[in-house]
Amino acid sequence: MPGQYFASHRPIDDEYVELLRENQDRDPVHLTFIIKEIEHIKKSYPDIELFAVSDSEFHQTIPLTAKRYALPRDINKKYGVAKIGYHGLALSSIVRTLSKSGDLEDRTIVCHLGSGASITALKNGESVETSMG
């Protein structure tokens, strides 16, 4: 399931780049340029280690019942269809800021308006539901 693989922070190694290539036809607008950028950086700086930081990592706390879509289970499983969430880097920053100021409530709704828009429900600073698939 490529979606789940890319939903976590991880080193950008040969396996990572190969999976990007295998899925390039699913998202040519983004993946074509990401692959080119990685290749350029690896060629220009061969001794540095690269890491992918996933916007979806923040949403790994969403319960399974909220991750599932109303599709037959065999389709969800076969194609890896699940809600993985986005805007997690911004949400992490918001949770950190609200925690530091003492303003993070047990239950909080965050509306992300920017290059995309999403709504995320937080419980004790963790994602429990999001509008982004």
C-alpha atoms as a PDB file:
ATOM      1  CA  MET A   1       0.000   0.000   0.000  1.00  0.00           C
ATOM      2  CA  PRO A   2       1.928   3.064  -1.189  1.00  0.00           C
ATOM      3  CA  GLY A   3      -0.291   5.463   0.768  1.00  0.00           C
ATOM      4  CA  GLN A   4       0.608   3.844   4.070  1.00  0.00           C
ATOM      5  CA  TYR A   5       4.289   3.584   3.134  1.00  0.00           C
ATOM      6  CA  PHE A   6       4.488   7.316   2.461  1.00  0.00           C
ATOM      7  CA  ALA A   7       2.386   8.190   5.533  1.00  0.00           C
ATOM      8  CA  SER A   8       5.413   8.009   7.839  1.00  0.00           C
ATOM      9  CA  HIS A   9       8.710   9.858   8.081  1.00  0.00           C
ATOM     10  CA  ARG A  10      11.492   7.724   6.614  1.00  0.00           C
ATOM     11  CA  PRO A  11      14.902   7.827   4.943  1.00  0.00           C
ATOM     12  CA  ILE A  12      14.871   8.413   1.198  1.00  0.00           C
ATOM     13  CA  ASP A  13      16.659   5.286   0.055  1.00  0.00           C
ATOM     14  CA  ASP A  14      16.530   3.186  -3.120  1.00  0.00           C
ATOM     15  CA  GLU A  15      13.290   1.500  -1.997  1.00  0.00           C
ATOM     16  CA  TYR A  16      11.652   4.882  -1.409  1.00  0.00           C
ATOM     17  CA  VAL A  17      12.624   6.210  -4.853  1.00  0.00           C
ATOM     18  CA  GLU A  18      11.555   2.960  -6.540  1.00  0.00           C
ATOM     19  CA  LEU A  19       8.103   3.177  -4.935  1.00  0.00           C
ATOM     20  CA  LEU A  20       7.821   6.783  -6.121  1.00  0.00           C
ATOM     21  CA  ARG A  21       8.617   5.630  -9.664  1.00  0.00           C
ATOM     22  CA  GLU A  22       6.137   2.758  -9.477  1.00  0.00           C
ATOM     23  CA  ASN A  23       3.392   5.203  -8.482  1.00  0.00           C
ATOM     24  CA  GLN A  24       4.373   8.078 -10.752  1.00  0.00           C
ATOM     25  CA  ASP A  25       1.497   7.447 -13.151  1.00  0.00           C
ATOM     26  CA  ARG A  26      -0.986   7.890 -10.268  1.00  0.00           C
ATOM     27  CA  ASP A  27       0.260  11.400  -9.503  1.00  0.00           C
ATOM     28  CA  PRO A  28       2.481  12.668 -12.333  1.00  0.00           C
ATOM     29  CA  VAL A  29       2.025  16.325 -11.372  1.00  0.00           C
ATOM     30  CA  HIS A  30       3.754  15.851  -8.007  1.00  0.00           C
ATOM     31  CA  LEU A  31       5.841  12.704  -8.279  1.00  0.00           C
ATOM     32  CA  THR A  32       7.618  13.576 -11.535  1.00  0.00           C
ATOM     33  CA  PHE A  33       9.141  16.662  -9.945  1.00  0.00           C
ATOM     34  CA  ILE A  34       9.820  15.011  -6.592  1.00  0.00           C
ATOM     35  CA  ILE A  35      11.781  12.217  -8.295  1.00  0.00           C
ATOM     36  CA  LYS A  36      13.783  14.748 -10.340  1.00  0.00           C
ATOM     37  CA  GLU A  37      14.537  16.787  -7.204  1.00  0.00           C
ATOM     38  CA  ILE A  38      15.722  13.723  -5.283  1.00  0.00           C
ATOM     39  CA  GLU A  39      17.931  12.614  -8.187  1.00  0.00           C
ATOM     40  CA  HIS A  40      19.425  16.108  -8.476  1.00  0.00           C
ATOM     41  CA  ILE A  41      20.148  16.374  -4.755  1.00  0.00           C
ATOM     42  CA  LYS A  42      21.664  12.852  -4.608  1.00  0.00           C
ATOM     43  CA  LYS A  43      23.876  13.663  -7.605  1.00  0.00           C
ATOM     44  CA  SER A  44      24.919  17.059  -6.236  1.00  0.00           C
ATOM     45  CA  TYR A  45      25.427  15.890  -2.643  1.00  0.00           C
ATOM     46  CA  PRO A  46      26.141  12.144  -2.772  1.00  0.00           C
ATOM     47  CA  ASP A  47      27.315  11.916   0.848  1.00  0.00           C
ATOM     48  CA  ILE A  48      24.273  13.355   2.584  1.00  0.00           C
ATOM     49  CA  GLU A  49      21.395  11.297   3.907  1.00  0.00           C
ATOM     50  CA  LEU A  50      17.931  12.437   2.835  1.00  0.00           C
ATOM     51  CA  PHE A  51      14.745  12.011   4.854  1.00  0.00           C
ATOM     52  CA  ALA A  52      11.129  12.347   3.808  1.00  0.00           C
ATOM     53  CA  VAL A  53       8.917  14.144   6.294  1.00  0.00           C
ATOM     54  CA  SER A  54       5.323  13.086   5.852  1.00  0.00           C
ATOM     55  CA  ASP A  55       2.369  15.402   6.313  1.00  0.00           C
ATOM     56  CA  SER A  56       0.346  12.286   7.118  1.00  0.00           C
ATOM     57  CA  GLU A  57       2.464  11.074  10.051  1.00  0.00           C
ATOM     58  CA  PHE A  58       0.473  13.312  12.420  1.00  0.00           C
ATOM     59  CA  HIS A  59      -2.727  11.424  11.560  1.00  0.00           C
ATOM     60  CA  GLN A  60      -1.479   7.942  12.477  1.00  0.00           C
ATOM     61  CA  THR A  61      -3.552   8.260  15.673  1.00  0.00           C
ATOM     62  CA  ILE A  62      -6.872   8.281  13.791  1.00  0.00           C
ATOM     63  CA  PRO A  63      -8.855   5.210  14.878  1.00  0.00           C
ATOM     64  CA  LEU A  64      -9.420   2.504  12.281  1.00  0.00           C
ATOM     65  CA  THR A  65     -13.162   3.197  12.245  1.00  0.00           C
ATOM     66  CA  ALA A  66     -12.444   6.756  11.073  1.00  0.00           C
ATOM     67  CA  LYS A  67      -9.772   5.688   8.549  1.00  0.00           C
ATOM     68  CA  ARG A  68     -12.091   3.393   6.638  1.00  0.00           C
ATOM     69  CA  TYR A  69     -14.227   4.544   3.762  1.00  0.00           C
ATOM     70  CA  ALA A  70     -17.719   3.152   3.139  1.00  0.00           C
ATOM     71  CA  LEU A  71     -16.491   0.666   0.540  1.00  0.00           C
ATOM     72  CA  PRO A  72     -16.377  -3.114   0.622  1.00  0.00           C
ATOM     73  CA  ARG A  73     -13.480  -4.266   2.829  1.00  0.00           C
ATOM     74  CA  ASP A  74     -11.879  -6.289   0.020  1.00  0.00           C
ATOM     75  CA  ILE A  75     -11.611  -3.137  -2.137  1.00  0.00           C
ATOM     76  CA  ASN A  76     -10.184  -1.118   0.766  1.00  0.00           C
ATOM     77  CA  LYS A  77      -7.627  -3.850   1.422  1.00  0.00           C
ATOM     78  CA  LYS A  78      -6.721  -4.593  -2.216  1.00  0.00           C
ATOM     79  CA  TYR A  79      -6.128  -0.964  -3.144  1.00  0.00           C
ATOM     80  CA  GLY A  80      -5.008   0.332   0.238  1.00  0.00           C
ATOM     81  CA  VAL A  81      -7.889   2.785   0.383  1.00  0.00           C
ATOM     82  CA  ALA A  82      -7.794   4.545   3.744  1.00  0.00           C
ATOM     83  CA  LYS A  83      -7.913   8.046   5.104  1.00  0.00           C
ATOM     84  CA  ILE A  84      -4.317   9.074   5.834  1.00  0.00           C
ATOM     85  CA  GLY A  85      -4.762  12.829   6.317  1.00  0.00           C
ATOM     86  CA  TYR A  86      -2.722  15.849   5.259  1.00  0.00           C
ATOM     87  CA  HIS A  87      -1.526  19.184   6.657  1.00  0.00           C
ATOM     88  CA  GLY A  88       0.051  17.307   9.570  1.00  0.00           C
ATOM     89  CA  LEU A  89       3.167  19.485   9.692  1.00  0.00           C
ATOM     90  CA  ALA A  90       1.018  22.579  10.205  1.00  0.00           C
ATOM     91  CA  LEU A  91      -1.138  20.729  12.740  1.00  0.00           C
ATOM     92  CA  SER A  92       1.936  19.629  14.710  1.00  0.00           C
ATOM     93  CA  SER A  93       3.017  23.251  14.913  1.00  0.00           C
ATOM     94  CA  ILE A  94      -0.437  24.349  16.064  1.00  0.00           C
ATOM     95  CA  VAL A  95      -0.589  21.675  18.779  1.00  0.00           C
ATOM     96  CA  ARG A  96       2.924  22.608  19.969  1.00  0.00           C
ATOM     97  CA  THR A  97       2.041  26.321  20.071  1.00  0.00           C
ATOM     98  CA  LEU A  98      -1.273  25.782  21.880  1.00  0.00           C
ATOM     99  CA  SER A  99       0.382  23.401  24.354  1.00  0.00           C
ATOM    100  CA  LYS A 100       3.135  25.899  25.194  1.00  0.00           C
ATOM    101  CA  SER A 101       0.616  28.668  25.818  1.00  0.00           C
ATOM    102  CA  GLY A 102      -1.687  26.399  27.829  1.00  0.00           C
ATOM    103  CA  ASP A 103      -4.512  26.919  25.337  1.00  0.00           C
ATOM    104  CA  LEU A 104      -4.816  23.364  24.002  1.00  0.00           C
ATOM    105  CA  GLU A 105      -8.227  22.052  25.006  1.00  0.00           C
ATOM    106  CA  ASP A 106      -8.959  18.325  25.470  1.00  0.00           C
ATOM    107  CA  ARG A 107     -11.093  18.562  22.343  1.00  0.00           C
ATOM    108  CA  THR A 108     -10.043  20.964  19.627  1.00  0.00           C
ATOM    109  CA  ILE A 109     -11.060  21.499  16.012  1.00  0.00           C
ATOM    110  CA  VAL A 110      -8.426  22.979  13.700  1.00  0.00           C
ATOM    111  CA  CYS A 111      -9.331  24.493  10.342  1.00  0.00           C
ATOM    112  CA  HIS A 112      -6.368  24.625   7.969  1.00  0.00           C
ATOM    113  CA  LEU A 113      -6.759  27.241   5.253  1.00  0.00           C
ATOM    114  CA  GLY A 114      -3.832  27.673   2.932  1.00  0.00           C
ATOM    115  CA  SER A 115      -2.657  25.897  -0.182  1.00  0.00           C
ATOM    116  CA  GLY A 116      -5.389  23.445   0.673  1.00  0.00           C
ATOM    117  CA  ALA A 117      -8.172  23.346   3.217  1.00  0.00           C
ATOM    118  CA  SER A 118      -8.960  20.748   5.852  1.00  0.00           C
ATOM    119  CA  ILE A 119     -10.614  20.311   9.221  1.00  0.00           C
ATOM    120  CA  THR A 120      -9.094  18.078  11.880  1.00  0.00           C
ATOM    121  CA  ALA A 121     -10.577  16.957  15.171  1.00  0.00           C
ATOM    122  CA  LEU A 122      -8.049  16.612  17.981  1.00  0.00           C
ATOM    123  CA  LYS A 123      -8.412  14.809  21.270  1.00  0.00           C
ATOM    124  CA  ASN A 124      -5.664  15.618  23.762  1.00  0.00           C
ATOM    125  CA  GLY A 125      -3.565  17.002  20.906  1.00  0.00           C
ATOM    126  CA  GLU A 126      -3.871  13.901  18.706  1.00  0.00           C
ATOM    127  CA  SER A 127      -5.740  13.564  15.435  1.00  0.00           C
ATOM    128  CA  VAL A 128      -8.935  11.526  15.721  1.00  0.00           C
ATOM    129  CA  GLU A 129     -10.649  12.615  12.476  1.00  0.00           C
ATOM    130  CA  THR A 130      -9.844  14.669   9.417  1.00  0.00           C
ATOM    131  CA  SER A 131     -11.647  15.829   6.302  1.00  0.00           C
ATOM    132  CA  MET A 132      -8.650  14.948   4.138  1.00  0.00           C
ATOM    133  CA  GLY A 133      -8.358  11.489   2.606  1.00  0.00           C
END
